[in-house]
């Protein structure tokens, strides 16, 4: 399998996916839950579930001021109830909460309130700010870690490039599940909450691990397929300086392709076992974790693709542009790097 040989194809596919994801996010946006906007959430379960339109009309007909932008989302049933609804409204006081609860419980047979949650807008903004800071901090730590870990490899690209490409891959891995969340919000009324942020952070951790595993094999193979020559010379002050010149004994593109293939089985097996666990969570975990598990599954698929078919082709493409060399042919003495 010559993945690097078809790097233009894989990079083009990735670009198309990113453009589509951005277009979805710009066009549809994310439907923020009460964790971020503040408000009240009421969940009611029934043994005989009424129609969703009936629930919506009942809430809209209550004599409560400013009860606009009401969200009604169906929930899955259990052994004791057929199903129910989660109703999101603005922040409700005690009397308003009682009116909403009584109206919902009386709609269907066996109606009962499962939970009532209220979050103020100050808390919601705090959660949003912390989510942004958490993702930003993770990205910075990843760049620093990769740059330090790959400090012994400076040719044909510097150690900072590995960290930068890792972050670019993570942007792809975050964009895809986030765009999927926008679609779920548009078609199913799914809302962004703390569980979604948790899922995105988990995707970041999974994806960076997979990418670094492949890059680490590239690092090992680069050290294996290179020769070095140390020369000494005096600078203008008379101090002896040592200069190390590296020459690759194998094409860089071939080294990267071999590294991908050597870790390919590991990446696929890890992804499959993770997807099986997430599929079980999605199937048997209940309505609370359905969206969480689904976003994680999409993120794992995106992360697996990017670590194999995006990050490494991008690495070779960058090396070709920066060093102006053909990475699929051996490097001669004139193309050797000086460290």
C-alpha atoms as a PDB file:
ATOM      1  CA  UNK A   1       0.000   0.000   0.000  1.00  0.00           C
ATOM      2  CA  UNK A   2       1.576   3.244  -1.145  1.00  0.00           C
ATOM      3  CA  UNK A   3      -0.208   5.851   0.987  1.00  0.00           C
ATOM      4  CA  UNK A   4       2.424   8.544   0.475  1.00  0.00           C
ATOM      5  CA  UNK A   5       2.427   7.942  -3.265  1.00  0.00           C
ATOM      6  CA  UNK A   6      -1.258   8.946  -3.280  1.00  0.00           C
ATOM      7  CA  UNK A   7      -0.816  11.838  -0.869  1.00  0.00           C
ATOM      8  CA  UNK A   8      -2.453  14.339  -3.226  1.00  0.00           C
ATOM      9  CA  UNK A   9      -5.636  12.258  -3.281  1.00  0.00           C
ATOM     10  CA  UNK A  10      -5.799  11.902   0.499  1.00  0.00           C
ATOM     11  CA  UNK A  11      -5.000  15.562   1.117  1.00  0.00           C
ATOM     12  CA  UNK A  12      -7.727  16.542  -1.352  1.00  0.00           C
ATOM     13  CA  UNK A  13     -10.277  14.322   0.410  1.00  0.00           C
ATOM     14  CA  UNK A  14      -9.343  15.868   3.739  1.00  0.00           C
ATOM     15  CA  UNK A  15      -9.670  19.385   2.319  1.00  0.00           C
ATOM     16  CA  UNK A  16     -13.143  18.586   0.984  1.00  0.00           C
ATOM     17  CA  UNK A  17     -14.231  17.139   4.346  1.00  0.00           C
ATOM     18  CA  UNK A  18     -12.934  20.212   6.191  1.00  0.00           C
ATOM     19  CA  UNK A  19     -14.689  22.621   3.807  1.00  0.00           C
ATOM     20  CA  UNK A  20     -17.975  20.726   4.149  1.00  0.00           C
ATOM     21  CA  UNK A  21     -17.646  20.651   7.942  1.00  0.00           C
ATOM     22  CA  UNK A  22     -16.961  24.388   8.128  1.00  0.00           C
ATOM     23  CA  UNK A  23     -19.901  25.080   5.800  1.00  0.00           C
ATOM     24  CA  UNK A  24     -22.206  23.031   8.035  1.00  0.00           C
ATOM     25  CA  UNK A  25     -21.036  24.845  11.164  1.00  0.00           C
ATOM     26  CA  UNK A  26     -21.397  28.279   9.555  1.00  0.00           C
ATOM     27  CA  UNK A  27     -24.758  27.452   7.994  1.00  0.00           C
ATOM     28  CA  UNK A  28     -26.412  25.574  10.849  1.00  0.00           C
ATOM     29  CA  UNK A  29     -24.439  26.531  13.934  1.00  0.00           C
ATOM     30  CA  UNK A  30     -24.491  24.631  17.211  1.00  0.00           C
ATOM     31  CA  UNK A  31     -27.566  24.322  19.369  1.00  0.00           C
ATOM     32  CA  UNK A  32     -26.265  25.210  22.834  1.00  0.00           C
ATOM     33  CA  UNK A  33     -27.793  23.464  25.839  1.00  0.00           C
ATOM     34  CA  UNK A  34     -28.601  24.957  29.216  1.00  0.00           C
ATOM     35  CA  UNK A  35     -25.087  24.105  30.419  1.00  0.00           C
ATOM     36  CA  UNK A  36     -23.930  27.092  28.365  1.00  0.00           C
ATOM     37  CA  UNK A  37     -26.958  29.331  27.892  1.00  0.00           C
ATOM     38  CA  UNK A  38     -28.648  28.856  31.266  1.00  0.00           C
ATOM     39  CA  UNK A  39     -32.250  27.750  31.724  1.00  0.00           C
ATOM     40  CA  UNK A  40     -34.357  24.886  33.030  1.00  0.00           C
ATOM     41  CA  UNK A  41     -34.621  21.317  31.843  1.00  0.00           C
ATOM     42  CA  UNK A  42     -37.566  19.083  32.715  1.00  0.00           C
ATOM     43  CA  UNK A  43     -37.630  15.380  31.844  1.00  0.00           C
ATOM     44  CA  UNK A  44     -40.886  13.426  32.012  1.00  0.00           C
ATOM     45  CA  UNK A  45     -41.446   9.725  31.306  1.00  0.00           C
ATOM     46  CA  UNK A  46     -44.687   7.933  30.332  1.00  0.00           C
ATOM     47  CA  UNK A  47     -46.036   4.418  30.018  1.00  0.00           C
ATOM     48  CA  UNK A  48     -48.089   5.721  27.084  1.00  0.00           C
ATOM     49  CA  UNK A  49     -46.250   8.519  25.313  1.00  0.00           C
ATOM     50  CA  UNK A  50     -48.199  11.479  23.881  1.00  0.00           C
ATOM     51  CA  UNK A  51     -47.313  13.052  20.525  1.00  0.00           C
ATOM     52  CA  UNK A  52     -44.420  15.508  20.516  1.00  0.00           C
ATOM     53  CA  UNK A  53     -46.588  18.195  18.893  1.00  0.00           C
ATOM     54  CA  UNK A  54     -49.064  17.812  21.748  1.00  0.00           C
ATOM     55  CA  UNK A  55     -46.307  18.379  24.281  1.00  0.00           C
ATOM     56  CA  UNK A  56     -45.102  21.454  22.395  1.00  0.00           C
ATOM     57  CA  UNK A  57     -48.605  22.931  22.176  1.00  0.00           C
ATOM     58  CA  UNK A  58     -49.270  22.283  25.863  1.00  0.00           C
ATOM     59  CA  UNK A  59     -46.118  24.142  26.948  1.00  0.00           C
ATOM     60  CA  UNK A  60     -46.806  27.024  24.568  1.00  0.00           C
ATOM     61  CA  UNK A  61     -50.351  27.302  25.932  1.00  0.00           C
ATOM     62  CA  UNK A  62     -49.298  27.791  29.562  1.00  0.00           C
ATOM     63  CA  UNK A  63     -49.872  31.230  31.040  1.00  0.00           C
ATOM     64  CA  UNK A  64     -46.198  31.874  31.706  1.00  0.00           C
ATOM     65  CA  UNK A  65     -44.588  35.083  30.506  1.00  0.00           C
ATOM     66  CA  UNK A  66     -41.657  35.041  28.078  1.00  0.00           C
ATOM     67  CA  UNK A  67     -41.733  31.275  27.673  1.00  0.00           C
ATOM     68  CA  UNK A  68     -40.251  31.373  24.184  1.00  0.00           C
ATOM     69  CA  UNK A  69     -37.740  29.123  22.418  1.00  0.00           C
ATOM     70  CA  UNK A  70     -39.009  25.938  24.070  1.00  0.00           C
ATOM     71  CA  UNK A  71     -37.150  22.782  23.006  1.00  0.00           C
ATOM     72  CA  UNK A  72     -38.866  19.375  23.191  1.00  0.00           C
ATOM     73  CA  UNK A  73     -36.763  16.257  22.584  1.00  0.00           C
ATOM     74  CA  UNK A  74     -37.935  12.641  22.793  1.00  0.00           C
ATOM     75  CA  UNK A  75     -36.110  10.146  25.024  1.00  0.00           C
ATOM     76  CA  UNK A  76     -35.820   6.377  24.723  1.00  0.00           C
ATOM     77  CA  UNK A  77     -37.897   4.014  26.825  1.00  0.00           C
ATOM     78  CA  UNK A  78     -36.817   1.600  29.563  1.00  0.00           C
ATOM     79  CA  UNK A  79     -38.217  -1.567  31.124  1.00  0.00           C
ATOM     80  CA  UNK A  80     -40.792   0.409  33.095  1.00  0.00           C
ATOM     81  CA  UNK A  81     -41.699   3.282  30.739  1.00  0.00           C
ATOM     82  CA  UNK A  82     -42.361   3.488  27.004  1.00  0.00           C
ATOM     83  CA  UNK A  83     -40.539   6.778  26.562  1.00  0.00           C
ATOM     84  CA  UNK A  84     -40.703  10.443  27.395  1.00  0.00           C
ATOM     85  CA  UNK A  85     -39.551  13.952  26.639  1.00  0.00           C
ATOM     86  CA  UNK A  86     -36.913  16.437  27.717  1.00  0.00           C
ATOM     87  CA  UNK A  87     -38.270  19.974  27.722  1.00  0.00           C
ATOM     88  CA  UNK A  88     -35.842  22.887  27.782  1.00  0.00           C
ATOM     89  CA  UNK A  89     -37.111  26.346  28.740  1.00  0.00           C
ATOM     90  CA  UNK A  90     -35.811  29.572  30.200  1.00  0.00           C
ATOM     91  CA  UNK A  91     -34.993  29.634  33.900  1.00  0.00           C
ATOM     92  CA  UNK A  92     -38.212  28.849  35.824  1.00  0.00           C
ATOM     93  CA  UNK A  93     -39.163  29.855  39.343  1.00  0.00           C
ATOM     94  CA  UNK A  94     -40.865  27.398  41.696  1.00  0.00           C
ATOM     95  CA  UNK A  95     -44.462  28.214  40.702  1.00  0.00           C
ATOM     96  CA  UNK A  96     -43.616  28.111  36.988  1.00  0.00           C
ATOM     97  CA  UNK A  97     -41.786  24.832  37.435  1.00  0.00           C
ATOM     98  CA  UNK A  98     -44.845  23.337  39.121  1.00  0.00           C
ATOM     99  CA  UNK A  99     -47.112  24.498  36.275  1.00  0.00           C
ATOM    100  CA  UNK A 100     -44.852  22.964  33.637  1.00  0.00           C
ATOM    101  CA  UNK A 101     -44.461  19.711  35.562  1.00  0.00           C
ATOM    102  CA  UNK A 102     -48.198  19.314  36.189  1.00  0.00           C
ATOM    103  CA  UNK A 103     -49.010  20.010  32.552  1.00  0.00           C
ATOM    104  CA  UNK A 104     -46.468  17.496  31.271  1.00  0.00           C
ATOM    105  CA  UNK A 105     -47.333  14.733  33.745  1.00  0.00           C
ATOM    106  CA  UNK A 106     -51.043  14.961  32.929  1.00  0.00           C
ATOM    107  CA  UNK A 107     -50.520  14.573  29.171  1.00  0.00           C
ATOM    108  CA  UNK A 108     -49.942  10.819  28.942  1.00  0.00           C
ATOM    109  CA  UNK A 109     -50.704   7.697  30.945  1.00  0.00           C
ATOM    110  CA  UNK A 110     -48.303   6.958  33.785  1.00  0.00           C
ATOM    111  CA  UNK A 111     -46.588  10.331  33.488  1.00  0.00           C
ATOM    112  CA  UNK A 112     -43.912  11.091  36.055  1.00  0.00           C
ATOM    113  CA  UNK A 113     -41.177  13.681  36.358  1.00  0.00           C
ATOM    114  CA  UNK A 114     -37.745  12.081  36.075  1.00  0.00           C
ATOM    115  CA  UNK A 115     -35.600  15.141  36.731  1.00  0.00           C
ATOM    116  CA  UNK A 116     -35.598  18.918  36.850  1.00  0.00           C
ATOM    117  CA  UNK A 117     -32.386  20.895  36.371  1.00  0.00           C
ATOM    118  CA  UNK A 118     -31.786  24.627  36.319  1.00  0.00           C
ATOM    119  CA  UNK A 119     -28.557  26.450  35.527  1.00  0.00           C
ATOM    120  CA  UNK A 120     -28.019  30.186  35.643  1.00  0.00           C
ATOM    121  CA  UNK A 121     -26.452  32.051  32.695  1.00  0.00           C
ATOM    122  CA  UNK A 122     -23.385  32.990  34.770  1.00  0.00           C
ATOM    123  CA  UNK A 123     -22.569  29.324  35.318  1.00  0.00           C
ATOM    124  CA  UNK A 124     -23.229  28.651  31.649  1.00  0.00           C
ATOM    125  CA  UNK A 125     -20.742  31.323  30.538  1.00  0.00           C
ATOM    126  CA  UNK A 126     -18.169  30.029  32.997  1.00  0.00           C
ATOM    127  CA  UNK A 127     -18.478  26.537  31.543  1.00  0.00           C
ATOM    128  CA  UNK A 128     -18.073  27.885  28.004  1.00  0.00           C
ATOM    129  CA  UNK A 129     -14.955  29.861  28.949  1.00  0.00           C
ATOM    130  CA  UNK A 130     -13.388  26.890  30.719  1.00  0.00           C
ATOM    131  CA  UNK A 131     -14.132  24.626  27.759  1.00  0.00           C
ATOM    132  CA  UNK A 132     -12.292  26.981  25.378  1.00  0.00           C
ATOM    133  CA  UNK A 133      -9.336  27.335  27.767  1.00  0.00           C
ATOM    134  CA  UNK A 134      -9.141  23.554  28.243  1.00  0.00           C
ATOM    135  CA  UNK A 135      -8.962  22.878  24.501  1.00  0.00           C
ATOM    136  CA  UNK A 136      -6.414  25.674  23.982  1.00  0.00           C
ATOM    137  CA  UNK A 137      -4.213  24.434  26.828  1.00  0.00           C
ATOM    138  CA  UNK A 138      -4.253  20.892  25.452  1.00  0.00           C
ATOM    139  CA  UNK A 139      -3.179  22.117  21.996  1.00  0.00           C
ATOM    140  CA  UNK A 140      -0.270  24.099  23.463  1.00  0.00           C
ATOM    141  CA  UNK A 141       0.930  21.188  25.603  1.00  0.00           C
ATOM    142  CA  UNK A 142       0.781  18.849  22.614  1.00  0.00           C
ATOM    143  CA  UNK A 143       2.957  21.146  20.473  1.00  0.00           C
ATOM    144  CA  UNK A 144       5.545  21.536  23.234  1.00  0.00           C
ATOM    145  CA  UNK A 145       5.620  17.813  24.013  1.00  0.00           C
ATOM    146  CA  UNK A 146       6.027  16.739  20.391  1.00  0.00           C
ATOM    147  CA  UNK A 147       8.687  19.384  19.733  1.00  0.00           C
ATOM    148  CA  UNK A 148      10.715  18.190  22.726  1.00  0.00           C
ATOM    149  CA  UNK A 149      10.207  14.481  22.017  1.00  0.00           C
ATOM    150  CA  UNK A 150      11.297  14.900  18.386  1.00  0.00           C
ATOM    151  CA  UNK A 151      14.184  17.257  19.117  1.00  0.00           C
ATOM    152  CA  UNK A 152      16.686  14.657  17.918  1.00  0.00           C
ATOM    153  CA  UNK A 153      15.220  14.696  14.408  1.00  0.00           C
ATOM    154  CA  UNK A 154      15.836  17.901  12.498  1.00  0.00           C
ATOM    155  CA  UNK A 155      15.873  16.721   8.901  1.00  0.00           C
ATOM    156  CA  UNK A 156      14.172  16.972   6.494  1.00  0.00           C
ATOM    157  CA  UNK A 157      11.729  18.909   8.727  1.00  0.00           C
ATOM    158  CA  UNK A 158      12.256  20.377  12.193  1.00  0.00           C
ATOM    159  CA  UNK A 159      10.769  18.892  15.357  1.00  0.00           C
ATOM    160  CA  UNK A 160       8.310  21.809  15.600  1.00  0.00           C
ATOM    161  CA  UNK A 161       6.749  20.745  12.307  1.00  0.00           C
ATOM    162  CA  UNK A 162       5.679  17.412  13.798  1.00  0.00           C
ATOM    163  CA  UNK A 163       3.903  19.266  16.591  1.00  0.00           C
ATOM    164  CA  UNK A 164       2.297  21.707  14.170  1.00  0.00           C
ATOM    165  CA  UNK A 165       1.016  18.957  11.892  1.00  0.00           C
ATOM    166  CA  UNK A 166      -0.347  17.120  14.929  1.00  0.00           C
ATOM    167  CA  UNK A 167      -2.407  20.206  15.805  1.00  0.00           C
ATOM    168  CA  UNK A 168      -3.597  20.591  12.204  1.00  0.00           C
ATOM    169  CA  UNK A 169      -4.739  16.953  12.295  1.00  0.00           C
ATOM    170  CA  UNK A 170      -6.539  17.593  15.571  1.00  0.00           C
ATOM    171  CA  UNK A 171      -8.408  20.501  13.989  1.00  0.00           C
ATOM    172  CA  UNK A 172      -9.716  18.051  11.399  1.00  0.00           C
ATOM    173  CA  UNK A 173     -10.599  15.544  14.117  1.00  0.00           C
ATOM    174  CA  UNK A 174     -12.553  18.179  16.074  1.00  0.00           C
ATOM    175  CA  UNK A 175     -14.263  19.769  13.068  1.00  0.00           C
ATOM    176  CA  UNK A 176     -15.827  16.521  11.841  1.00  0.00           C
ATOM    177  CA  UNK A 177     -17.658  15.510  15.075  1.00  0.00           C
ATOM    178  CA  UNK A 178     -18.572  19.148  15.733  1.00  0.00           C
ATOM    179  CA  UNK A 179     -20.171  19.402  12.290  1.00  0.00           C
ATOM    180  CA  UNK A 180     -21.958  16.126  13.021  1.00  0.00           C
ATOM    181  CA  UNK A 181     -23.260  17.699  16.247  1.00  0.00           C
ATOM    182  CA  UNK A 182     -24.588  20.651  14.249  1.00  0.00           C
ATOM    183  CA  UNK A 183     -26.477  18.219  11.992  1.00  0.00           C
ATOM    184  CA  UNK A 184     -27.853  16.349  15.001  1.00  0.00           C
ATOM    185  CA  UNK A 185     -28.995  19.645  16.464  1.00  0.00           C
ATOM    186  CA  UNK A 186     -30.709  20.641  13.227  1.00  0.00           C
ATOM    187  CA  UNK A 187     -32.490  17.343  12.561  1.00  0.00           C
ATOM    188  CA  UNK A 188     -32.903  15.868  16.059  1.00  0.00           C
ATOM    189  CA  UNK A 189     -32.726  18.856  18.385  1.00  0.00           C
ATOM    190  CA  UNK A 190     -29.515  17.626  20.047  1.00  0.00           C
ATOM    191  CA  UNK A 191     -27.898  20.281  22.232  1.00  0.00           C
ATOM    192  CA  UNK A 192     -24.274  20.962  23.079  1.00  0.00           C
ATOM    193  CA  UNK A 193     -23.644  20.281  26.758  1.00  0.00           C
ATOM    194  CA  UNK A 194     -20.777  19.374  29.060  1.00  0.00           C
ATOM    195  CA  UNK A 195     -20.856  15.768  27.816  1.00  0.00           C
ATOM    196  CA  UNK A 196     -20.181  17.021  24.282  1.00  0.00           C
ATOM    197  CA  UNK A 197     -17.145  18.980  25.504  1.00  0.00           C
ATOM    198  CA  UNK A 198     -15.987  15.846  27.329  1.00  0.00           C
ATOM    199  CA  UNK A 199     -16.369  13.848  24.110  1.00  0.00           C
ATOM    200  CA  UNK A 200     -14.319  16.387  22.134  1.00  0.00           C
ATOM    201  CA  UNK A 201     -11.546  16.335  24.751  1.00  0.00           C
ATOM    202  CA  UNK A 202     -11.552  12.520  24.632  1.00  0.00           C
ATOM    203  CA  UNK A 203     -11.291  12.656  20.828  1.00  0.00           C
ATOM    204  CA  UNK A 204      -8.325  15.018  21.148  1.00  0.00           C
ATOM    205  CA  UNK A 205      -6.554  12.610  23.487  1.00  0.00           C
ATOM    206  CA  UNK A 206      -7.280   9.584  21.312  1.00  0.00           C
ATOM    207  CA  UNK A 207      -6.297  11.265  18.046  1.00  0.00           C
ATOM    208  CA  UNK A 208      -3.049  12.771  19.286  1.00  0.00           C
ATOM    209  CA  UNK A 209      -2.015   9.413  20.710  1.00  0.00           C
ATOM    210  CA  UNK A 210      -2.607   7.687  17.379  1.00  0.00           C
ATOM    211  CA  UNK A 211      -0.779  10.383  15.406  1.00  0.00           C
ATOM    212  CA  UNK A 212       2.229  10.473  17.721  1.00  0.00           C
ATOM    213  CA  UNK A 213       2.561   6.677  17.582  1.00  0.00           C
ATOM    214  CA  UNK A 214       3.004   6.875  13.806  1.00  0.00           C
ATOM    215  CA  UNK A 215       5.289   9.917  14.014  1.00  0.00           C
ATOM    216  CA  UNK A 216       7.399   8.160  16.628  1.00  0.00           C
ATOM    217  CA  UNK A 217       7.952   5.286  14.220  1.00  0.00           C
ATOM    218  CA  UNK A 218       8.954   7.846  11.580  1.00  0.00           C
ATOM    219  CA  UNK A 219      11.459   9.255  14.067  1.00  0.00           C
ATOM    220  CA  UNK A 220      12.914   5.799  14.746  1.00  0.00           C
ATOM    221  CA  UNK A 221      13.221   4.994  11.058  1.00  0.00           C
ATOM    222  CA  UNK A 222      14.803   8.359  10.266  1.00  0.00           C
ATOM    223  CA  UNK A 223      17.557   7.611  12.772  1.00  0.00           C
ATOM    224  CA  UNK A 224      17.911   4.132  11.318  1.00  0.00           C
ATOM    225  CA  UNK A 225      18.197   5.206   7.686  1.00  0.00           C
ATOM    226  CA  UNK A 226      20.671   8.054   7.899  1.00  0.00           C
ATOM    227  CA  UNK A 227      24.383   8.581   8.091  1.00  0.00           C
ATOM    228  CA  UNK A 228      26.071  11.419   9.893  1.00  0.00           C
ATOM    229  CA  UNK A 229      29.383  13.124   9.438  1.00  0.00           C
ATOM    230  CA  UNK A 230      30.879  15.356  12.126  1.00  0.00           C
ATOM    231  CA  UNK A 231      33.272  18.102  11.068  1.00  0.00           C
ATOM    232  CA  UNK A 232      35.078  20.686  13.173  1.00  0.00           C
ATOM    233  CA  UNK A 233      35.982  24.274  12.352  1.00  0.00           C
ATOM    234  CA  UNK A 234      36.992  27.415  14.179  1.00  0.00           C
ATOM    235  CA  UNK A 235      34.680  30.397  14.293  1.00  0.00           C
ATOM    236  CA  UNK A 236      35.861  34.015  14.157  1.00  0.00           C
ATOM    237  CA  UNK A 237      36.707  33.942  17.879  1.00  0.00           C
ATOM    238  CA  UNK A 238      38.869  30.857  17.521  1.00  0.00           C
ATOM    239  CA  UNK A 239      36.439  28.543  19.302  1.00  0.00           C
ATOM    240  CA  UNK A 240      36.147  25.082  17.754  1.00  0.00           C
ATOM    241  CA  UNK A 241      32.601  24.374  16.554  1.00  0.00           C
ATOM    242  CA  UNK A 242      31.269  20.930  15.679  1.00  0.00           C
ATOM    243  CA  UNK A 243      28.959  20.551  12.707  1.00  0.00           C
ATOM    244  CA  UNK A 244      26.926  17.406  12.055  1.00  0.00           C
ATOM    245  CA  UNK A 245      25.737  16.667   8.539  1.00  0.00           C
ATOM    246  CA  UNK A 246      22.969  14.080   8.033  1.00  0.00           C
ATOM    247  CA  UNK A 247      22.327  12.210   4.797  1.00  0.00           C
ATOM    248  CA  UNK A 248      19.336   9.914   4.316  1.00  0.00           C
ATOM    249  CA  UNK A 249      20.112   6.480   2.903  1.00  0.00           C
ATOM    250  CA  UNK A 250      16.471   5.941   1.988  1.00  0.00           C
ATOM    251  CA  UNK A 251      13.910   8.344   0.466  1.00  0.00           C
ATOM    252  CA  UNK A 252      12.012  10.323   3.106  1.00  0.00           C
ATOM    253  CA  UNK A 253       8.653   9.524   1.508  1.00  0.00           C
ATOM    254  CA  UNK A 254       9.468   5.828   1.585  1.00  0.00           C
ATOM    255  CA  UNK A 255      10.524   6.047   5.232  1.00  0.00           C
ATOM    256  CA  UNK A 256       7.243   7.699   6.178  1.00  0.00           C
ATOM    257  CA  UNK A 257       5.195   5.219   4.123  1.00  0.00           C
ATOM    258  CA  UNK A 258       6.954   2.258   5.758  1.00  0.00           C
ATOM    259  CA  UNK A 259       6.348   3.784   9.187  1.00  0.00           C
ATOM    260  CA  UNK A 260       2.624   4.103   8.475  1.00  0.00           C
ATOM    261  CA  UNK A 261       2.389   0.512   7.288  1.00  0.00           C
ATOM    262  CA  UNK A 262       4.311  -0.745  10.320  1.00  0.00           C
ATOM    263  CA  UNK A 263       1.763   0.862  12.658  1.00  0.00           C
ATOM    264  CA  UNK A 264      -1.286   0.346  10.415  1.00  0.00           C
ATOM    265  CA  UNK A 265      -2.536  -2.846  12.062  1.00  0.00           C
ATOM    266  CA  UNK A 266      -2.114  -1.368  15.520  1.00  0.00           C
ATOM    267  CA  UNK A 267      -4.122   1.733  14.568  1.00  0.00           C
ATOM    268  CA  UNK A 268      -6.972  -0.235  12.996  1.00  0.00           C
ATOM    269  CA  UNK A 269      -7.217  -2.746  15.855  1.00  0.00           C
ATOM    270  CA  UNK A 270      -7.210   0.013  18.471  1.00  0.00           C
ATOM    271  CA  UNK A 271      -9.952   1.864  16.616  1.00  0.00           C
ATOM    272  CA  UNK A 272     -12.111  -1.231  16.178  1.00  0.00           C
ATOM    273  CA  UNK A 273     -11.965  -2.199  19.844  1.00  0.00           C
ATOM    274  CA  UNK A 274     -12.739   1.387  20.865  1.00  0.00           C
ATOM    275  CA  UNK A 275     -15.676   1.538  18.447  1.00  0.00           C
ATOM    276  CA  UNK A 276     -17.072  -1.727  19.794  1.00  0.00           C
ATOM    277  CA  UNK A 277     -17.059  -0.360  23.329  1.00  0.00           C
ATOM    278  CA  UNK A 278     -18.669   2.901  22.194  1.00  0.00           C
ATOM    279  CA  UNK A 279     -21.283   1.025  20.174  1.00  0.00           C
ATOM    280  CA  UNK A 280     -22.230  -0.910  23.315  1.00  0.00           C
ATOM    281  CA  UNK A 281     -22.477   2.368  25.249  1.00  0.00           C
ATOM    282  CA  UNK A 282     -24.629   3.886  22.515  1.00  0.00           C
ATOM    283  CA  UNK A 283     -26.935   0.860  22.389  1.00  0.00           C
ATOM    284  CA  UNK A 284     -27.328   0.087  26.076  1.00  0.00           C
ATOM    285  CA  UNK A 285     -26.291   3.306  27.822  1.00  0.00           C
ATOM    286  CA  UNK A 286     -29.641   5.085  27.606  1.00  0.00           C
ATOM    287  CA  UNK A 287     -30.657   8.436  26.184  1.00  0.00           C
ATOM    288  CA  UNK A 288     -28.298  10.406  28.420  1.00  0.00           C
ATOM    289  CA  UNK A 289     -25.149   9.005  26.789  1.00  0.00           C
ATOM    290  CA  UNK A 290     -26.430   8.393  23.247  1.00  0.00           C
ATOM    291  CA  UNK A 291     -25.150  11.648  21.758  1.00  0.00           C
ATOM    292  CA  UNK A 292     -21.923  11.382  23.787  1.00  0.00           C
ATOM    293  CA  UNK A 293     -21.187   7.901  22.421  1.00  0.00           C
ATOM    294  CA  UNK A 294     -22.152   8.841  18.861  1.00  0.00           C
ATOM    295  CA  UNK A 295     -19.880  11.904  18.817  1.00  0.00           C
ATOM    296  CA  UNK A 296     -17.039   9.811  20.209  1.00  0.00           C
ATOM    297  CA  UNK A 297     -17.507   7.188  17.491  1.00  0.00           C
ATOM    298  CA  UNK A 298     -17.416   9.846  14.775  1.00  0.00           C
ATOM    299  CA  UNK A 299     -14.344  11.400  16.399  1.00  0.00           C
ATOM    300  CA  UNK A 300     -12.532   8.059  16.594  1.00  0.00           C
ATOM    301  CA  UNK A 301     -13.189   7.417  12.900  1.00  0.00           C
ATOM    302  CA  UNK A 302     -11.967  10.919  12.007  1.00  0.00           C
ATOM    303  CA  UNK A 303      -8.892  10.517  14.218  1.00  0.00           C
ATOM    304  CA  UNK A 304      -8.002   7.149  12.731  1.00  0.00           C
ATOM    305  CA  UNK A 305      -8.279   8.525   9.203  1.00  0.00           C
ATOM    306  CA  UNK A 306      -6.207  11.632   9.923  1.00  0.00           C
ATOM    307  CA  UNK A 307      -3.390   9.780  11.709  1.00  0.00           C
ATOM    308  CA  UNK A 308      -2.927   7.474   8.704  1.00  0.00           C
ATOM    309  CA  UNK A 309      -4.111   9.299   5.599  1.00  0.00           C
ATOM    310  CA  UNK A 310      -3.697  12.980   6.487  1.00  0.00           C
ATOM    311  CA  UNK A 311      -0.918  13.732   8.982  1.00  0.00           C
ATOM    312  CA  UNK A 312       1.760  11.685   7.220  1.00  0.00           C
ATOM    313  CA  UNK A 313       0.976  12.755   3.637  1.00  0.00           C
ATOM    314  CA  UNK A 314       0.934  16.349   4.925  1.00  0.00           C
ATOM    315  CA  UNK A 315       4.349  15.799   6.536  1.00  0.00           C
ATOM    316  CA  UNK A 316       5.856  14.585   3.266  1.00  0.00           C
ATOM    317  CA  UNK A 317       4.104  17.336   1.269  1.00  0.00           C
ATOM    318  CA  UNK A 318       5.577  19.940   3.619  1.00  0.00           C
ATOM    319  CA  UNK A 319       9.056  18.418   3.352  1.00  0.00           C
ATOM    320  CA  UNK A 320       8.855  18.594  -0.441  1.00  0.00           C
ATOM    321  CA  UNK A 321       7.829  22.245  -0.425  1.00  0.00           C
ATOM    322  CA  UNK A 322      10.288  23.448   2.214  1.00  0.00           C
ATOM    323  CA  UNK A 323      13.361  21.500   1.071  1.00  0.00           C
ATOM    324  CA  UNK A 324      12.462  21.538  -2.636  1.00  0.00           C
ATOM    325  CA  UNK A 325      13.377  17.884  -2.968  1.00  0.00           C
ATOM    326  CA  UNK A 326      11.737  14.765  -4.294  1.00  0.00           C
ATOM    327  CA  UNK A 327      10.976  12.798  -1.142  1.00  0.00           C
ATOM    328  CA  UNK A 328      10.487   9.577  -3.087  1.00  0.00           C
ATOM    329  CA  UNK A 329      14.093   9.491  -4.383  1.00  0.00           C
ATOM    330  CA  UNK A 330      17.302   9.156  -2.352  1.00  0.00           C
ATOM    331  CA  UNK A 331      18.885  12.333  -1.020  1.00  0.00           C
ATOM    332  CA  UNK A 332      22.332  13.032  -2.386  1.00  0.00           C
ATOM    333  CA  UNK A 333      25.164  14.795  -0.656  1.00  0.00           C
ATOM    334  CA  UNK A 334      24.049  18.181  -1.963  1.00  0.00           C
ATOM    335  CA  UNK A 335      20.624  17.668  -0.377  1.00  0.00           C
ATOM    336  CA  UNK A 336      21.983  16.701   3.019  1.00  0.00           C
ATOM    337  CA  UNK A 337      20.947  18.740   6.000  1.00  0.00           C
ATOM    338  CA  UNK A 338      23.325  20.552   8.309  1.00  0.00           C
ATOM    339  CA  UNK A 339      22.517  20.579  11.988  1.00  0.00           C
END
